[in-house]
Amino acid sequence: MLSRDGDVPGNRPASARFTLTRWSLVLAAGQRREGDANAALTWLCERYWFPLFAHARSRGSPPAEAEDSVQAFFERIVEGDMLGAADAERGRFRSFLLGCFNHFLSHERRRGQRLKRGGGAESISIDQVDAEARLQRELVDGHTPALDFDRVWALTLLDRVLAALREECDADGKAGRFVVLQTFIQGERGETPLAEAAERLGLSLPAVKSIVHRLRQRFRELVRAEIRETVESDEALPAELQHLFTALSRR
């Protein structure tokens, strides 16, 4: 939340919002503990539905078939123990989940099964309107399926972080402030545009500089918090952060 003067609280540890990794929730999805399983599946869908869809498309599946494949994959998690072997010792959850998905696709194709929309378990509710159009916007030049998965994973994570940052920045009656300041969060900008932002917001230039500094700090905290939920230890954070930045730089 923003403070009374419009600043973003600094020095708030990332762990304040994200207190534990989600490995235990993922395990619960395969162990049929209803409440924990639902929480795990919501977490999985919000972060990995679109990256897995991109991966299936990059492997050659038509849009509808790719959607059905991801839906069926998550249904299988609900129904059984597909992720029952997941544990923190496996390192990056991103890589583990992709391996499970590839195994699932290969297994279904060997069996000659046609994945049908809505078949099996109850459809998992998640808003994926215009997934193909979004994919075409974000993947200008296709790479390998694995690289496409990584890039869309990184973009999805970035979208979640920016949405959370917007909510904090625009709180307490300051709606619209984030739109003005967003361009300053991920890179340095010259004095003139920052001064223009200050004028638009009706604030002094020093005040806006302070807000931007805090937003950048909070942005980094939120990125680290998202990554921390999917690695086995803090020691693994730097490598996964570097992987995120590398994936975002690909076009």
Protein backbone atom coordinates (compact mmCIF):
# COMPACT_ATOMS: atom_id res chain seq x y z
CA MET A 1 0.00 0.00 0.00
CA LEU A 2 1.08 3.57 -0.56
CA SER A 3 1.78 5.76 2.41
CA ARG A 4 -0.20 8.93 3.08
CA ASP A 5 2.21 11.05 1.01
CA GLY A 6 1.95 8.72 -1.96
CA ASP A 7 5.16 6.81 -1.46
CA VAL A 8 5.55 3.05 -1.62
CA PRO A 9 6.78 1.61 1.69
CA GLY A 10 10.44 0.79 1.45
CA ASN A 11 12.45 -1.85 3.22
CA ARG A 12 9.45 -4.16 3.47
CA PRO A 13 10.79 -7.70 3.12
CA ALA A 14 9.43 -9.71 0.21
CA SER A 15 8.57 -12.48 2.66
CA ALA A 16 5.90 -10.25 4.18
CA ARG A 17 3.49 -11.32 1.45
CA PHE A 18 5.00 -14.60 0.31
CA THR A 19 5.81 -16.52 3.46
CA LEU A 20 6.48 -19.97 2.06
CA THR A 21 7.20 -21.74 -1.16
CA ARG A 22 4.40 -23.57 -2.95
CA TRP A 23 6.01 -26.98 -3.14
CA SER A 24 3.80 -28.22 -0.31
CA LEU A 25 0.68 -26.98 -2.11
CA VAL A 26 1.78 -28.68 -5.30
CA LEU A 27 2.22 -31.93 -3.44
CA ALA A 28 -1.28 -31.51 -2.04
CA ALA A 29 -2.73 -31.37 -5.56
CA GLY A 30 -1.71 -34.97 -6.08
CA GLN A 31 -2.77 -36.09 -2.64
CA ARG A 32 -6.42 -35.04 -2.94
CA ARG A 33 -6.54 -32.80 0.13
CA GLU A 34 -9.43 -30.77 -1.17
CA GLY A 35 -8.70 -27.30 0.21
CA ASP A 36 -4.95 -27.46 -0.39
CA ALA A 37 -5.43 -29.02 -3.82
CA ASN A 38 -7.73 -26.23 -4.93
CA ALA A 39 -5.24 -23.61 -3.74
CA ALA A 40 -2.42 -25.42 -5.52
CA LEU A 41 -4.32 -25.68 -8.77
CA THR A 42 -5.28 -22.01 -8.68
CA TRP A 43 -1.63 -21.13 -8.17
CA LEU A 44 -0.55 -23.43 -10.99
CA CYS A 45 -3.13 -22.14 -13.46
CA GLU A 46 -2.45 -18.48 -12.79
CA ARG A 47 1.26 -18.89 -13.46
CA TYR A 48 1.60 -21.77 -15.91
CA TRP A 49 -1.55 -22.14 -18.04
CA PHE A 50 -0.40 -19.68 -20.67
CA PRO A 51 3.28 -20.79 -20.74
CA LEU A 52 2.18 -24.40 -21.23
CA PHE A 53 -0.26 -23.33 -23.94
CA ALA A 54 2.63 -21.51 -25.70
CA HIS A 55 4.78 -24.62 -25.40
CA ALA A 56 2.11 -26.87 -26.91
CA ARG A 57 1.59 -24.41 -29.77
CA SER A 58 5.33 -24.27 -30.41
CA ARG A 59 5.33 -28.07 -30.61
CA GLY A 60 2.85 -27.81 -33.46
CA SER A 61 -0.53 -28.25 -31.79
CA PRO A 62 -3.37 -26.14 -33.25
CA PRO A 63 -4.76 -23.52 -30.83
CA ALA A 64 -7.84 -25.50 -29.73
CA GLU A 65 -5.82 -28.68 -29.29
CA ALA A 66 -3.18 -26.82 -27.26
CA GLU A 67 -5.87 -25.46 -24.96
CA ASP A 68 -7.35 -28.93 -24.56
CA SER A 69 -3.93 -30.38 -23.77
CA VAL A 70 -3.29 -27.92 -20.97
CA GLN A 71 -6.81 -28.43 -19.62
CA ALA A 72 -6.39 -32.21 -19.66
CA PHE A 73 -2.97 -31.92 -18.01
CA PHE A 74 -4.37 -29.96 -15.09
CA GLU A 75 -7.33 -32.34 -14.89
CA ARG A 76 -4.87 -35.21 -14.57
CA ILE A 77 -3.21 -33.40 -11.67
CA VAL A 78 -6.59 -33.12 -9.98
CA GLU A 79 -7.42 -36.77 -10.58
CA GLY A 80 -4.16 -38.43 -9.64
CA ASP A 81 -0.60 -38.17 -8.48
CA MET A 82 1.12 -36.71 -11.55
CA LEU A 83 3.00 -34.25 -9.35
CA GLY A 84 3.26 -36.57 -6.39
CA ALA A 85 7.01 -36.88 -6.89
CA ALA A 86 7.53 -33.12 -6.76
CA ASP A 87 9.92 -32.00 -4.08
CA ALA A 88 12.25 -29.11 -3.45
CA GLU A 89 15.29 -31.22 -4.28
CA ARG A 90 14.27 -31.07 -7.93
CA GLY A 91 15.23 -27.40 -8.03
CA ARG A 92 13.35 -25.15 -10.44
CA PHE A 93 9.67 -25.92 -10.45
CA ARG A 94 9.38 -24.36 -13.91
CA SER A 95 11.62 -27.05 -15.40
CA PHE A 96 9.97 -29.85 -13.43
CA LEU A 97 6.47 -28.89 -14.56
CA LEU A 98 7.54 -28.61 -18.21
CA GLY A 99 9.05 -32.08 -18.01
CA CYS A 100 5.78 -33.44 -16.60
CA PHE A 101 3.81 -31.75 -19.38
CA ASN A 102 6.06 -33.12 -22.12
CA HIS A 103 5.75 -36.59 -20.63
CA PHE A 104 1.97 -36.19 -20.52
CA LEU A 105 1.80 -35.09 -24.18
CA SER A 106 4.02 -37.93 -25.36
CA HIS A 107 2.10 -40.50 -23.33
CA GLU A 108 -1.28 -39.35 -24.65
CA ARG A 109 -0.07 -39.40 -28.24
CA ARG A 110 1.42 -42.88 -27.87
CA ARG A 111 -1.95 -44.06 -26.63
CA GLY A 112 -3.58 -42.42 -29.63
CA GLN A 113 -6.00 -40.51 -27.47
CA ARG A 114 -7.65 -37.34 -28.68
CA LEU A 115 -7.86 -34.81 -25.91
CA LYS A 116 -11.39 -33.54 -25.70
CA ARG A 117 -12.42 -30.20 -24.25
CA GLY A 118 -14.18 -30.69 -20.95
CA GLY A 119 -13.59 -34.43 -20.86
CA GLY A 120 -12.83 -36.18 -17.60
CA ALA A 121 -12.75 -33.98 -14.54
CA GLU A 122 -14.70 -30.80 -14.13
CA SER A 123 -13.24 -27.99 -16.19
CA ILE A 124 -10.75 -25.85 -14.30
CA SER A 125 -11.96 -22.27 -14.22
CA ILE A 126 -9.42 -19.73 -15.51
CA ASP A 127 -9.84 -16.80 -17.84
CA GLN A 128 -7.88 -17.45 -21.05
CA VAL A 129 -9.80 -15.35 -23.54
CA ASP A 130 -7.96 -14.79 -26.82
CA ALA A 131 -4.96 -16.89 -25.76
CA GLU A 132 -3.86 -17.35 -29.37
CA ALA A 133 -4.03 -13.62 -30.13
CA ARG A 134 -2.00 -12.88 -27.02
CA LEU A 135 0.54 -15.51 -27.99
CA GLN A 136 1.02 -14.00 -31.44
CA ARG A 137 1.63 -10.58 -29.87
CA GLU A 138 4.19 -11.82 -27.39
CA LEU A 139 6.10 -14.33 -29.53
CA VAL A 140 7.13 -12.38 -32.60
CA ASP A 141 9.67 -14.94 -33.78
CA GLY A 142 9.27 -18.53 -32.72
CA HIS A 143 12.20 -20.37 -31.20
CA THR A 144 12.18 -23.88 -29.78
CA PRO A 145 9.20 -25.03 -27.69
CA ALA A 146 11.31 -24.84 -24.53
CA LEU A 147 12.46 -21.28 -25.26
CA ASP A 148 8.91 -20.21 -26.07
CA PHE A 149 7.75 -21.68 -22.76
CA ASP A 150 10.45 -19.78 -20.89
CA ARG A 151 9.65 -16.46 -22.56
CA VAL A 152 5.91 -16.71 -21.93
CA TRP A 153 6.59 -17.86 -18.36
CA ALA A 154 8.72 -14.75 -17.87
CA LEU A 155 6.10 -12.46 -19.43
CA THR A 156 3.34 -14.01 -17.33
CA LEU A 157 5.38 -13.49 -14.17
CA LEU A 158 6.10 -9.90 -15.17
CA ASP A 159 2.40 -9.26 -15.79
CA ARG A 160 1.54 -10.55 -12.32
CA VAL A 161 4.19 -8.39 -10.67
CA LEU A 162 3.09 -5.25 -12.51
CA ALA A 163 -0.56 -5.92 -11.65
CA ALA A 164 0.32 -6.21 -7.95
CA LEU A 165 2.45 -3.08 -8.14
CA ARG A 166 -0.35 -1.18 -9.86
CA GLU A 167 -2.78 -2.17 -7.10
CA GLU A 168 -0.40 -0.88 -4.43
CA CYS A 169 0.50 2.30 -6.31
CA ASP A 170 -3.11 3.25 -7.08
CA ALA A 171 -4.43 2.53 -3.59
CA ASP A 172 -5.80 5.13 -1.19
CA GLY A 173 -7.56 7.21 -3.79
CA LYS A 174 -4.61 7.56 -6.14
CA ALA A 175 -6.06 5.71 -9.12
CA GLY A 176 -4.22 6.40 -12.35
CA ARG A 177 -0.86 7.17 -10.78
CA PHE A 178 0.68 3.90 -11.95
CA VAL A 179 -0.13 4.63 -15.62
CA VAL A 180 1.91 7.82 -15.39
CA LEU A 181 4.87 6.24 -13.61
CA GLN A 182 5.03 2.75 -15.12
CA THR A 183 7.54 3.69 -17.84
CA PHE A 184 10.08 4.72 -15.18
CA ILE A 185 10.01 1.46 -13.24
CA GLN A 186 12.17 -0.78 -15.41
CA GLY A 187 14.70 1.67 -16.75
CA GLU A 188 16.28 5.08 -16.34
CA ARG A 189 14.60 8.03 -17.99
CA GLY A 190 15.71 11.59 -18.60
CA GLU A 191 14.91 14.54 -16.39
CA THR A 192 12.38 16.08 -18.78
CA PRO A 193 9.86 13.19 -18.91
CA LEU A 194 10.12 12.77 -15.14
CA ALA A 195 9.36 16.46 -14.74
CA GLU A 196 6.37 16.06 -17.04
CA ALA A 197 5.15 13.17 -14.90
CA ALA A 198 5.45 15.34 -11.81
CA GLU A 199 3.40 18.05 -13.47
CA ARG A 200 0.71 15.58 -14.52
CA LEU A 201 0.46 14.25 -10.97
CA GLY A 202 0.57 17.66 -9.34
CA LEU A 203 3.65 16.73 -7.31
CA SER A 204 7.12 18.17 -6.95
CA LEU A 205 9.97 16.63 -8.95
CA PRO A 206 11.77 15.40 -5.79
CA ALA A 207 8.55 13.74 -4.61
CA VAL A 208 8.11 11.91 -7.91
CA LYS A 209 11.75 10.84 -7.90
CA SER A 210 11.22 9.36 -4.45
CA ILE A 211 8.07 7.53 -5.54
CA VAL A 212 9.80 6.10 -8.61
CA HIS A 213 12.74 4.95 -6.50
CA ARG A 214 10.38 3.13 -4.14
CA LEU A 215 8.40 1.62 -7.01
CA ARG A 216 11.60 0.23 -8.51
CA GLN A 217 12.58 -1.22 -5.17
CA ARG A 218 9.15 -2.77 -4.69
CA PHE A 219 9.20 -4.12 -8.25
CA ARG A 220 12.44 -5.98 -7.50
CA GLU A 221 10.99 -7.31 -4.24
CA LEU A 222 7.89 -8.65 -5.98
CA VAL A 223 9.92 -10.31 -8.74
CA ARG A 224 12.13 -12.03 -6.18
CA ALA A 225 9.08 -13.10 -4.17
CA GLU A 226 7.49 -14.73 -7.22
CA ILE A 227 10.72 -16.53 -8.09
CA ARG A 228 11.33 -17.58 -4.50
CA GLU A 229 8.11 -19.59 -4.49
CA THR A 230 9.44 -21.93 -7.16
CA VAL A 231 13.05 -22.63 -6.15
CA GLU A 232 14.40 -24.78 -3.39
CA SER A 233 16.49 -22.14 -1.59
CA ASP A 234 17.64 -18.54 -1.60
CA GLU A 235 20.90 -19.73 -3.12
CA ALA A 236 19.01 -20.66 -6.28
CA LEU A 237 17.49 -17.19 -6.68
CA PRO A 238 20.30 -15.45 -8.63
CA ALA A 239 20.43 -18.07 -11.36
CA GLU A 240 16.66 -18.14 -11.78
CA LEU A 241 16.50 -14.33 -11.85
CA GLN A 242 19.14 -14.30 -14.55
CA HIS A 243 17.13 -16.87 -16.48
CA LEU A 244 14.08 -14.61 -16.19
CA PHE A 245 15.93 -11.60 -17.60
CA THR A 246 17.43 -13.69 -20.40
CA ALA A 247 13.99 -15.02 -21.35
CA LEU A 248 12.53 -11.50 -21.39
CA SER A 249 15.29 -10.29 -23.70
CA ARG A 250 14.43 -12.86 -26.40
CA ARG A 251 12.33 -11.86 -29.37
